[in-house]
Every structure is written in C-alpha cells, then in structure tokens.
C-alpha cells in the first residue's frame, strides 16, 4: 500500500480523486463481470479508514436491485471490538437498504497489534469467529451482535468464511443443513468457504465432495491465491509463512486426509467408486 493511501486510511479521510477514479473503475468492472472484490483487512491503525471506504462502496454497488454484494468488508475476529463493529455495519446496511458483504477472518497481524485490542488466547478468537458466523448464517441478532434500535430487522447479507479451521466449517455446514431442511435454498444468504491455495487443502476437498453440496446452490468453495511479483506479494507471503507455523500442527490430519483422497481417486479410475 502506498504511503499516501495509508495516510488517508489512518486519518479516515476519503480517497483522493485519482484513487477514487481507479477504485470506481475496478468496482464497475467487477459488477459488470459478476465477480466480487474482497479488500483485505489491515492493521487496526488503518482498519477504520478502510472500513469507511468499503462501506461507501457497498452503498453504491451492493444494491437491492443488483441482488448481490460486489464489495465486501473484512472483519478480523482476533479483535475484541469486531462483534460491535459488525453489528453497527449490519444495522447501517439495513437502515440504508444495501446488501452487507461480510468476509470473516481470524486475523493476520497478531504480532504487531496493541495487545489490549485482541483476545487473550486463540480460544477467544475462535469463539468470536464462530458467534459472528452463526449470527450471519442464521440472519439473527444476538446478545453480542445486536442492533442499537430494538425491532430492527436483520439486513440482507452475503457471507464469506475465510478459514482453515475444521471446527468452524463443520458448525457452518450444520447450520446450513438444518436451514435447508426447512426452507428453499434461494432464501438463504450467499455463502463462500475460502481457503488459501496450498493450505488446508483437505478441508477444501471435503467441502467439494460433501454430499449436501448439490442441495445448497447458494454455497461456493473457493481457493485464494496471491498474484503478482514476489516483491508486490512479499507482505502477504510473509504472513502466510507465519500462519504455516500453526499449519504444521495439522500435518498428521492433512496426511490422513490426502491419503483418503488419493484412494478415492484411485477407486474412481478403476471403476470401484
């Protein structure tokens, strides 16, 4: 990110005219091609400014007439304030009549954030992520994610669960399965499960081959990859390397899952599936 853009975000100013022209061109192209834009969350010092920008773009592009979100805001669940901020943005979407595009992540700046802003342990982050995901999937206010005005309806929302956590994915799938048993799939919010290319591939495979997938046309499975030169992607790649420290703890689960997948493909080739 350039210094000028970073300064504007940290001071919560609007983008410069040149920046706004470039941003609008990207959003127009995305809307025309039916693709979505997922601006990543940054460090907390610039997040509030980034949220201001993305919410302004949601007002313009995530319209009821379009019927889907084009621009998403990313929420880092290691921040204690995320449920309150998410609730405020959801209420804003409801009152102003646009579709809330919500992407949930656990967070990638653990080492550099002020310690008082983040949960004391990983369990706190996991609990925060799951309670946010549950409220979004069920489209219901909760004690932690509540509207300031009683009786405010929950807004239309499109959801991205960007996670490598198997427990979180199972909980989300269970909620969707229960919903599908009692209502048409087109009434459910759009949902995408996202994992990084080369990480948690066993979870992606399980999602792709889940027997209930065909019953949930509103759900997608996506692999995310970085693109550009090594220099342009350096910060992203360094954060991914840091995350891989935790991924090493999943080595045995990954080996077992890949073995199962290899056997499934062999049986398919031999006509035994």
C-alpha atoms as a PDB file:
ATOM      1  CA  UNK A   1       0.000   0.000   0.000  1.00  0.00           C
ATOM      2  CA  UNK A   2       1.354   3.456  -0.890  1.00  0.00           C
ATOM      3  CA  UNK A   3       2.185   5.992   1.798  1.00  0.00           C
ATOM      4  CA  UNK A   4      -0.442   8.423   0.556  1.00  0.00           C
ATOM      5  CA  UNK A   5      -3.212   5.824   0.732  1.00  0.00           C
ATOM      6  CA  UNK A   6      -2.028   4.630   4.153  1.00  0.00           C
ATOM      7  CA  UNK A   7      -2.106   8.190   5.493  1.00  0.00           C
ATOM      8  CA  UNK A   8      -5.646   8.705   4.231  1.00  0.00           C
ATOM      9  CA  UNK A   9      -6.782   5.454   5.814  1.00  0.00           C
ATOM     10  CA  UNK A  10      -5.133   6.180   9.163  1.00  0.00           C
ATOM     11  CA  UNK A  11      -6.746   9.609   9.279  1.00  0.00           C
ATOM     12  CA  UNK A  12     -10.077   8.244   7.973  1.00  0.00           C
ATOM     13  CA  UNK A  13     -10.180  10.604   5.037  1.00  0.00           C
ATOM     14  CA  UNK A  14     -11.849   9.947   1.695  1.00  0.00           C
ATOM     15  CA  UNK A  15      -9.663   8.600  -1.125  1.00  0.00           C
ATOM     16  CA  UNK A  16      -8.028  11.176  -3.344  1.00  0.00           C
ATOM     17  CA  UNK A  17      -9.759  11.926  -6.687  1.00  0.00           C
ATOM     18  CA  UNK A  18      -7.247   9.755  -8.587  1.00  0.00           C
ATOM     19  CA  UNK A  19      -7.653   6.914  -6.103  1.00  0.00           C
ATOM     20  CA  UNK A  20     -11.437   7.147  -6.272  1.00  0.00           C
ATOM     21  CA  UNK A  21     -11.336   7.034 -10.074  1.00  0.00           C
ATOM     22  CA  UNK A  22      -9.218   3.865 -10.001  1.00  0.00           C
ATOM     23  CA  UNK A  23     -11.341   2.250  -7.279  1.00  0.00           C
ATOM     24  CA  UNK A  24     -14.576   3.057  -9.115  1.00  0.00           C
ATOM     25  CA  UNK A  25     -13.196   1.634 -12.377  1.00  0.00           C
ATOM     26  CA  UNK A  26     -12.312  -1.633 -10.595  1.00  0.00           C
ATOM     27  CA  UNK A  27     -15.743  -1.840  -8.970  1.00  0.00           C
ATOM     28  CA  UNK A  28     -17.543  -1.074 -12.230  1.00  0.00           C
ATOM     29  CA  UNK A  29     -15.596  -3.838 -13.983  1.00  0.00           C
ATOM     30  CA  UNK A  30     -16.295  -6.302 -11.168  1.00  0.00           C
ATOM     31  CA  UNK A  31     -20.012  -5.506 -11.180  1.00  0.00           C
ATOM     32  CA  UNK A  32     -20.186  -5.905 -14.966  1.00  0.00           C
ATOM     33  CA  UNK A  33     -18.476  -9.309 -14.846  1.00  0.00           C
ATOM     34  CA  UNK A  34     -20.383 -10.625 -11.798  1.00  0.00           C
ATOM     35  CA  UNK A  35     -17.264 -11.014  -9.681  1.00  0.00           C
ATOM     36  CA  UNK A  36     -16.698  -9.764  -6.140  1.00  0.00           C
ATOM     37  CA  UNK A  37     -13.998  -7.618  -4.578  1.00  0.00           C
ATOM     38  CA  UNK A  38     -12.552  -8.565  -1.200  1.00  0.00           C
ATOM     39  CA  UNK A  39     -10.383  -5.761   0.202  1.00  0.00           C
ATOM     40  CA  UNK A  40      -8.276  -7.347   2.923  1.00  0.00           C
ATOM     41  CA  UNK A  41      -8.242  -6.006   6.456  1.00  0.00           C
ATOM     42  CA  UNK A  42      -5.089  -4.195   7.528  1.00  0.00           C
ATOM     43  CA  UNK A  43      -3.580  -3.353  10.881  1.00  0.00           C
ATOM     44  CA  UNK A  44      -6.028  -1.724  13.255  1.00  0.00           C
ATOM     45  CA  UNK A  45      -4.402   1.674  12.837  1.00  0.00           C
ATOM     46  CA  UNK A  46      -5.779   1.841   9.283  1.00  0.00           C
ATOM     47  CA  UNK A  47      -8.762  -0.526   9.516  1.00  0.00           C
ATOM     48  CA  UNK A  48     -11.321   2.110  10.446  1.00  0.00           C
ATOM     49  CA  UNK A  49     -10.434   4.124   7.373  1.00  0.00           C
ATOM     50  CA  UNK A  50     -10.587   1.036   5.165  1.00  0.00           C
ATOM     51  CA  UNK A  51     -13.984   0.121   6.598  1.00  0.00           C
ATOM     52  CA  UNK A  52     -15.214   3.643   5.782  1.00  0.00           C
ATOM     53  CA  UNK A  53     -14.132   3.206   2.170  1.00  0.00           C
ATOM     54  CA  UNK A  54     -15.634  -0.261   1.758  1.00  0.00           C
ATOM     55  CA  UNK A  55     -18.946   0.741   3.334  1.00  0.00           C
ATOM     56  CA  UNK A  56     -19.202   3.715   0.967  1.00  0.00           C
ATOM     57  CA  UNK A  57     -18.590   1.320  -1.930  1.00  0.00           C
ATOM     58  CA  UNK A  58     -21.180  -1.117  -0.588  1.00  0.00           C
ATOM     59  CA  UNK A  59     -23.760   1.663  -0.578  1.00  0.00           C
ATOM     60  CA  UNK A  60     -23.092   2.232  -4.270  1.00  0.00           C
ATOM     61  CA  UNK A  61     -22.615  -1.322  -5.546  1.00  0.00           C
ATOM     62  CA  UNK A  62     -24.339  -3.736  -3.124  1.00  0.00           C
ATOM     63  CA  UNK A  63     -27.804  -2.623  -4.125  1.00  0.00           C
ATOM     64  CA  UNK A  64     -31.077  -4.476  -3.756  1.00  0.00           C
ATOM     65  CA  UNK A  65     -31.667  -4.111  -7.497  1.00  0.00           C
ATOM     66  CA  UNK A  66     -28.363  -5.881  -8.224  1.00  0.00           C
ATOM     67  CA  UNK A  67     -29.333  -8.583  -5.750  1.00  0.00           C
ATOM     68  CA  UNK A  68     -25.849  -9.443  -4.509  1.00  0.00           C
ATOM     69  CA  UNK A  69     -22.790  -7.960  -2.872  1.00  0.00           C
ATOM     70  CA  UNK A  70     -19.971  -6.740  -5.106  1.00  0.00           C
ATOM     71  CA  UNK A  71     -17.768  -5.249  -2.377  1.00  0.00           C
ATOM     72  CA  UNK A  72     -17.064  -6.914   0.976  1.00  0.00           C
ATOM     73  CA  UNK A  73     -15.663  -5.626   4.246  1.00  0.00           C
ATOM     74  CA  UNK A  74     -13.175  -7.896   6.024  1.00  0.00           C
ATOM     75  CA  UNK A  75     -13.564  -8.386   9.786  1.00  0.00           C
ATOM     76  CA  UNK A  76     -10.683  -9.749  11.878  1.00  0.00           C
ATOM     77  CA  UNK A  77     -12.066 -11.806  14.730  1.00  0.00           C
ATOM     78  CA  UNK A  78      -8.967 -11.648  16.924  1.00  0.00           C
ATOM     79  CA  UNK A  79     -10.078  -8.061  17.677  1.00  0.00           C
ATOM     80  CA  UNK A  80     -12.335  -7.789  20.720  1.00  0.00           C
ATOM     81  CA  UNK A  81     -14.294  -4.978  19.087  1.00  0.00           C
ATOM     82  CA  UNK A  82     -15.259  -6.918  15.962  1.00  0.00           C
ATOM     83  CA  UNK A  83     -18.748  -8.057  17.089  1.00  0.00           C
ATOM     84  CA  UNK A  84     -19.755  -4.491  17.954  1.00  0.00           C
ATOM     85  CA  UNK A  85     -18.393  -3.056  14.716  1.00  0.00           C
ATOM     86  CA  UNK A  86     -20.016  -5.802  12.663  1.00  0.00           C
ATOM     87  CA  UNK A  87     -23.349  -5.137  14.365  1.00  0.00           C
ATOM     88  CA  UNK A  88     -23.082  -1.406  13.629  1.00  0.00           C
ATOM     89  CA  UNK A  89     -22.309  -2.029   9.965  1.00  0.00           C
ATOM     90  CA  UNK A  90     -25.136  -4.564   9.639  1.00  0.00           C
ATOM     91  CA  UNK A  91     -27.580  -2.093  11.144  1.00  0.00           C
ATOM     92  CA  UNK A  92     -26.342   0.588   8.749  1.00  0.00           C
ATOM     93  CA  UNK A  93     -26.924  -1.755   5.797  1.00  0.00           C
ATOM     94  CA  UNK A  94     -30.466  -2.456   6.968  1.00  0.00           C
ATOM     95  CA  UNK A  95     -31.349   1.195   7.502  1.00  0.00           C
ATOM     96  CA  UNK A  96     -29.820   2.361   4.210  1.00  0.00           C
ATOM     97  CA  UNK A  97     -31.084  -0.570   2.153  1.00  0.00           C
ATOM     98  CA  UNK A  98     -27.891  -2.150   0.800  1.00  0.00           C
ATOM     99  CA  UNK A  99     -26.627  -5.734   0.990  1.00  0.00           C
ATOM    100  CA  UNK A 100     -23.914  -6.236   3.594  1.00  0.00           C
ATOM    101  CA  UNK A 101     -20.907  -8.044   2.176  1.00  0.00           C
ATOM    102  CA  UNK A 102     -19.103  -9.676   5.110  1.00  0.00           C
ATOM    103  CA  UNK A 103     -15.832 -11.572   4.992  1.00  0.00           C
ATOM    104  CA  UNK A 104     -14.719 -13.128   8.287  1.00  0.00           C
ATOM    105  CA  UNK A 105     -11.071 -13.896   9.005  1.00  0.00           C
ATOM    106  CA  UNK A 106      -9.284 -14.659  12.240  1.00  0.00           C
ATOM    107  CA  UNK A 107      -6.546 -12.069  11.673  1.00  0.00           C
ATOM    108  CA  UNK A 108      -3.004 -11.805  10.361  1.00  0.00           C
ATOM    109  CA  UNK A 109      -1.321  -9.024  12.396  1.00  0.00           C
ATOM    110  CA  UNK A 110      -1.174 -10.698  15.787  1.00  0.00           C
ATOM    111  CA  UNK A 111       2.454  -9.752  16.423  1.00  0.00           C
ATOM    112  CA  UNK A 112       2.037  -6.044  15.691  1.00  0.00           C
ATOM    113  CA  UNK A 113      -1.378  -5.135  17.120  1.00  0.00           C
ATOM    114  CA  UNK A 114      -1.706  -3.440  20.534  1.00  0.00           C
ATOM    115  CA  UNK A 115      -2.184  -6.308  22.985  1.00  0.00           C
ATOM    116  CA  UNK A 116      -5.272  -4.804  24.646  1.00  0.00           C
ATOM    117  CA  UNK A 117      -7.204  -4.894  21.359  1.00  0.00           C
ATOM    118  CA  UNK A 118      -7.013  -8.650  20.810  1.00  0.00           C
ATOM    119  CA  UNK A 119      -8.311 -11.664  22.672  1.00  0.00           C
ATOM    120  CA  UNK A 120      -6.133 -13.149  25.379  1.00  0.00           C
ATOM    121  CA  UNK A 121      -5.893 -16.536  23.667  1.00  0.00           C
ATOM    122  CA  UNK A 122      -6.792 -18.404  20.493  1.00  0.00           C
ATOM    123  CA  UNK A 123      -9.938 -19.778  22.142  1.00  0.00           C
ATOM    124  CA  UNK A 124     -11.259 -16.236  22.443  1.00  0.00           C
ATOM    125  CA  UNK A 125     -10.626 -15.621  18.751  1.00  0.00           C
ATOM    126  CA  UNK A 126     -12.271 -18.918  17.792  1.00  0.00           C
ATOM    127  CA  UNK A 127     -15.334 -18.144  19.915  1.00  0.00           C
ATOM    128  CA  UNK A 128     -15.614 -14.670  18.381  1.00  0.00           C
ATOM    129  CA  UNK A 129     -15.357 -16.058  14.843  1.00  0.00           C
ATOM    130  CA  UNK A 130     -17.993 -18.709  15.473  1.00  0.00           C
ATOM    131  CA  UNK A 131     -20.504 -16.368  17.112  1.00  0.00           C
ATOM    132  CA  UNK A 132     -20.147 -13.896  14.235  1.00  0.00           C
ATOM    133  CA  UNK A 133     -20.541 -16.676  11.666  1.00  0.00           C
ATOM    134  CA  UNK A 134     -23.611 -18.081  13.425  1.00  0.00           C
ATOM    135  CA  UNK A 135     -25.360 -14.702  13.575  1.00  0.00           C
ATOM    136  CA  UNK A 136     -24.686 -14.099   9.883  1.00  0.00           C
ATOM    137  CA  UNK A 137     -25.713 -17.563   8.725  1.00  0.00           C
ATOM    138  CA  UNK A 138     -28.916 -17.528  10.781  1.00  0.00           C
ATOM    139  CA  UNK A 139     -29.507 -13.837   9.970  1.00  0.00           C
ATOM    140  CA  UNK A 140     -30.382 -13.185  13.585  1.00  0.00           C
ATOM    141  CA  UNK A 141     -29.287 -10.581  16.102  1.00  0.00           C
ATOM    142  CA  UNK A 142     -27.623 -11.992  19.215  1.00  0.00           C
ATOM    143  CA  UNK A 143     -26.593 -10.533  22.586  1.00  0.00           C
ATOM    144  CA  UNK A 144     -23.081  -9.972  21.170  1.00  0.00           C
ATOM    145  CA  UNK A 145     -24.157  -8.746  17.724  1.00  0.00           C
ATOM    146  CA  UNK A 146     -27.239  -6.634  18.278  1.00  0.00           C
ATOM    147  CA  UNK A 147     -28.892  -3.596  16.702  1.00  0.00           C
ATOM    148  CA  UNK A 148     -28.996  -0.385  18.693  1.00  0.00           C
ATOM    149  CA  UNK A 149     -32.670   0.105  17.803  1.00  0.00           C
ATOM    150  CA  UNK A 150     -34.962  -2.672  19.092  1.00  0.00           C
ATOM    151  CA  UNK A 151     -37.006  -4.326  16.383  1.00  0.00           C
ATOM    152  CA  UNK A 152     -34.526  -3.560  13.598  1.00  0.00           C
ATOM    153  CA  UNK A 153     -34.757  -6.375  11.009  1.00  0.00           C
ATOM    154  CA  UNK A 154     -31.580  -8.219  10.123  1.00  0.00           C
ATOM    155  CA  UNK A 155     -30.201  -6.998   6.772  1.00  0.00           C
ATOM    156  CA  UNK A 156     -29.663  -8.948   3.581  1.00  0.00           C
ATOM    157  CA  UNK A 157     -26.139 -10.298   3.776  1.00  0.00           C
ATOM    158  CA  UNK A 158     -23.663 -12.195   1.600  1.00  0.00           C
ATOM    159  CA  UNK A 159     -21.070 -14.132   3.607  1.00  0.00           C
ATOM    160  CA  UNK A 160     -17.505 -15.300   3.111  1.00  0.00           C
ATOM    161  CA  UNK A 161     -15.994 -17.593   5.733  1.00  0.00           C
ATOM    162  CA  UNK A 162     -12.264 -17.387   5.101  1.00  0.00           C
ATOM    163  CA  UNK A 163     -10.945 -20.044   7.457  1.00  0.00           C
ATOM    164  CA  UNK A 164      -8.735 -23.100   7.759  1.00  0.00           C
ATOM    165  CA  UNK A 165     -10.479 -24.191  10.952  1.00  0.00           C
ATOM    166  CA  UNK A 166     -12.260 -27.527  10.574  1.00  0.00           C
ATOM    167  CA  UNK A 167     -14.480 -26.995  13.609  1.00  0.00           C
ATOM    168  CA  UNK A 168     -15.755 -23.669  12.283  1.00  0.00           C
ATOM    169  CA  UNK A 169     -16.528 -25.201   8.901  1.00  0.00           C
ATOM    170  CA  UNK A 170     -18.430 -28.110  10.474  1.00  0.00           C
ATOM    171  CA  UNK A 171     -20.515 -25.705  12.552  1.00  0.00           C
ATOM    172  CA  UNK A 172     -21.354 -23.634   9.482  1.00  0.00           C
ATOM    173  CA  UNK A 173     -22.272 -26.742   7.494  1.00  0.00           C
ATOM    174  CA  UNK A 174     -24.525 -27.972  10.304  1.00  0.00           C
ATOM    175  CA  UNK A 175     -26.378 -24.655  10.357  1.00  0.00           C
ATOM    176  CA  UNK A 176     -26.872 -24.731   6.590  1.00  0.00           C
ATOM    177  CA  UNK A 177     -28.053 -28.354   6.682  1.00  0.00           C
ATOM    178  CA  UNK A 178     -30.670 -27.506   9.299  1.00  0.00           C
ATOM    179  CA  UNK A 179     -31.796 -24.485   7.272  1.00  0.00           C
ATOM    180  CA  UNK A 180     -32.069 -26.476   4.056  1.00  0.00           C
ATOM    181  CA  UNK A 181     -34.370 -28.960   5.761  1.00  0.00           C
ATOM    182  CA  UNK A 182     -36.968 -26.284   6.385  1.00  0.00           C
ATOM    183  CA  UNK A 183     -36.645 -23.615   3.655  1.00  0.00           C
ATOM    184  CA  UNK A 184     -35.773 -23.251  -0.031  1.00  0.00           C
ATOM    185  CA  UNK A 185     -32.047 -22.674  -0.680  1.00  0.00           C
ATOM    186  CA  UNK A 186     -32.690 -19.455  -2.595  1.00  0.00           C
ATOM    187  CA  UNK A 187     -33.872 -17.859   0.658  1.00  0.00           C
ATOM    188  CA  UNK A 188     -30.504 -18.463   2.313  1.00  0.00           C
ATOM    189  CA  UNK A 189     -27.697 -15.891   2.152  1.00  0.00           C
ATOM    190  CA  UNK A 190     -24.934 -16.409  -0.392  1.00  0.00           C
ATOM    191  CA  UNK A 191     -22.030 -18.193   1.268  1.00  0.00           C
ATOM    192  CA  UNK A 192     -18.457 -18.910   0.223  1.00  0.00           C
ATOM    193  CA  UNK A 193     -15.898 -21.004   2.071  1.00  0.00           C
ATOM    194  CA  UNK A 194     -12.383 -19.798   1.269  1.00  0.00           C
ATOM    195  CA  UNK A 195      -9.002 -21.409   1.953  1.00  0.00           C
ATOM    196  CA  UNK A 196      -5.606 -20.325   0.704  1.00  0.00           C
ATOM    197  CA  UNK A 197      -4.068 -22.313  -2.125  1.00  0.00           C
ATOM    198  CA  UNK A 198      -1.666 -24.848  -0.629  1.00  0.00           C
ATOM    199  CA  UNK A 199      -3.138 -24.635   2.870  1.00  0.00           C
ATOM    200  CA  UNK A 200      -5.927 -26.755   4.380  1.00  0.00           C
ATOM    201  CA  UNK A 201      -6.469 -28.435   1.015  1.00  0.00           C
ATOM    202  CA  UNK A 202      -8.011 -31.410   2.806  1.00  0.00           C
ATOM    203  CA  UNK A 203     -10.789 -29.130   4.083  1.00  0.00           C
ATOM    204  CA  UNK A 204     -11.382 -27.754   0.602  1.00  0.00           C
ATOM    205  CA  UNK A 205     -11.585 -31.296  -0.791  1.00  0.00           C
ATOM    206  CA  UNK A 206     -14.061 -32.310   1.901  1.00  0.00           C
ATOM    207  CA  UNK A 207     -16.244 -29.303   1.088  1.00  0.00           C
ATOM    208  CA  UNK A 208     -16.168 -30.018  -2.643  1.00  0.00           C
ATOM    209  CA  UNK A 209     -17.145 -33.666  -2.153  1.00  0.00           C
ATOM    210  CA  UNK A 210     -19.684 -33.100   0.620  1.00  0.00           C
ATOM    211  CA  UNK A 211     -22.875 -34.968  -0.215  1.00  0.00           C
ATOM    212  CA  UNK A 212     -25.041 -31.991   0.727  1.00  0.00           C
ATOM    213  CA  UNK A 213     -23.276 -29.610  -1.654  1.00  0.00           C
ATOM    214  CA  UNK A 214     -25.734 -30.137  -4.505  1.00  0.00           C
ATOM    215  CA  UNK A 215     -28.604 -29.170  -2.215  1.00  0.00           C
ATOM    216  CA  UNK A 216     -27.022 -25.795  -1.441  1.00  0.00           C
ATOM    217  CA  UNK A 217     -26.566 -23.861  -4.718  1.00  0.00           C
ATOM    218  CA  UNK A 218     -26.030 -20.651  -2.745  1.00  0.00           C
ATOM    219  CA  UNK A 219     -22.759 -22.017  -1.296  1.00  0.00           C
ATOM    220  CA  UNK A 220     -19.364 -21.946  -3.040  1.00  0.00           C
ATOM    221  CA  UNK A 221     -15.891 -23.305  -2.276  1.00  0.00           C
ATOM    222  CA  UNK A 222     -13.000 -21.072  -3.306  1.00  0.00           C
ATOM    223  CA  UNK A 223      -9.210 -21.328  -3.205  1.00  0.00           C
ATOM    224  CA  UNK A 224      -7.463 -17.990  -2.810  1.00  0.00           C
ATOM    225  CA  UNK A 225      -4.019 -17.257  -4.214  1.00  0.00           C
ATOM    226  CA  UNK A 226      -1.711 -14.273  -4.371  1.00  0.00           C
ATOM    227  CA  UNK A 227      -0.822 -12.823  -7.759  1.00  0.00           C
ATOM    228  CA  UNK A 228       1.956 -10.513  -8.856  1.00  0.00           C
ATOM    229  CA  UNK A 229       5.701 -10.238  -8.436  1.00  0.00           C
ATOM    230  CA  UNK A 230       7.410 -11.569  -5.327  1.00  0.00           C
ATOM    231  CA  UNK A 231       8.082  -8.015  -4.188  1.00  0.00           C
ATOM    232  CA  UNK A 232       4.453  -6.984  -4.648  1.00  0.00           C
ATOM    233  CA  UNK A 233       3.259 -10.026  -2.723  1.00  0.00           C
ATOM    234  CA  UNK A 234       6.007 -10.073  -0.088  1.00  0.00           C
ATOM    235  CA  UNK A 235       3.965  -8.935   2.910  1.00  0.00           C
ATOM    236  CA  UNK A 236       1.192 -11.370   2.029  1.00  0.00           C
ATOM    237  CA  UNK A 237       3.662 -14.237   1.639  1.00  0.00           C
ATOM    238  CA  UNK A 238       5.401 -13.434   4.936  1.00  0.00           C
ATOM    239  CA  UNK A 239       2.096 -13.522   6.796  1.00  0.00           C
ATOM    240  CA  UNK A 240       1.234 -16.832   5.154  1.00  0.00           C
ATOM    241  CA  UNK A 241       4.603 -18.241   6.248  1.00  0.00           C
ATOM    242  CA  UNK A 242       3.812 -17.195   9.790  1.00  0.00           C
ATOM    243  CA  UNK A 243       0.416 -18.899   9.610  1.00  0.00           C
ATOM    244  CA  UNK A 244       2.110 -22.076   8.419  1.00  0.00           C
ATOM    245  CA  UNK A 245       3.600 -22.472  11.899  1.00  0.00           C
ATOM    246  CA  UNK A 246       0.116 -23.413  13.053  1.00  0.00           C
ATOM    247  CA  UNK A 247      -0.447 -25.439   9.893  1.00  0.00           C
ATOM    248  CA  UNK A 248       2.437 -27.690  10.942  1.00  0.00           C
ATOM    249  CA  UNK A 249       0.252 -28.839  13.839  1.00  0.00           C
ATOM    250  CA  UNK A 250      -2.203 -30.245  11.296  1.00  0.00           C
ATOM    251  CA  UNK A 251       0.377 -32.348   9.472  1.00  0.00           C
ATOM    252  CA  UNK A 252      -0.993 -35.720  10.613  1.00  0.00           C
ATOM    253  CA  UNK A 253      -4.593 -34.758   9.841  1.00  0.00           C
ATOM    254  CA  UNK A 254      -3.536 -33.475   6.427  1.00  0.00           C
ATOM    255  CA  UNK A 255      -1.547 -36.648   5.636  1.00  0.00           C
ATOM    256  CA  UNK A 256      -4.512 -38.829   6.583  1.00  0.00           C
ATOM    257  CA  UNK A 257      -6.963 -36.695   4.584  1.00  0.00           C
ATOM    258  CA  UNK A 258      -4.752 -36.704   1.495  1.00  0.00           C
ATOM    259  CA  UNK A 259      -4.402 -40.480   1.740  1.00  0.00           C
ATOM    260  CA  UNK A 260      -8.174 -40.835   1.773  1.00  0.00           C
ATOM    261  CA  UNK A 261      -8.486 -38.509  -1.215  1.00  0.00           C
ATOM    262  CA  UNK A 262      -5.806 -40.424  -3.161  1.00  0.00           C
ATOM    263  CA  UNK A 263      -7.606 -43.698  -2.506  1.00  0.00           C
ATOM    264  CA  UNK A 264     -10.917 -42.164  -3.596  1.00  0.00           C
ATOM    265  CA  UNK A 265      -9.396 -41.062  -6.901  1.00  0.00           C
ATOM    266  CA  UNK A 266      -7.783 -44.472  -7.486  1.00  0.00           C
ATOM    267  CA  UNK A 267     -11.101 -46.216  -6.956  1.00  0.00           C
ATOM    268  CA  UNK A 268     -12.740 -43.791  -9.354  1.00  0.00           C
ATOM    269  CA  UNK A 269     -10.163 -44.548 -12.069  1.00  0.00           C
ATOM    270  CA  UNK A 270     -10.589 -48.309 -11.522  1.00  0.00           C
ATOM    271  CA  UNK A 271     -14.379 -48.057 -11.598  1.00  0.00           C
ATOM    272  CA  UNK A 272     -14.725 -49.098  -7.949  1.00  0.00           C
ATOM    273  CA  UNK A 273     -16.268 -45.860  -6.669  1.00  0.00           C
END
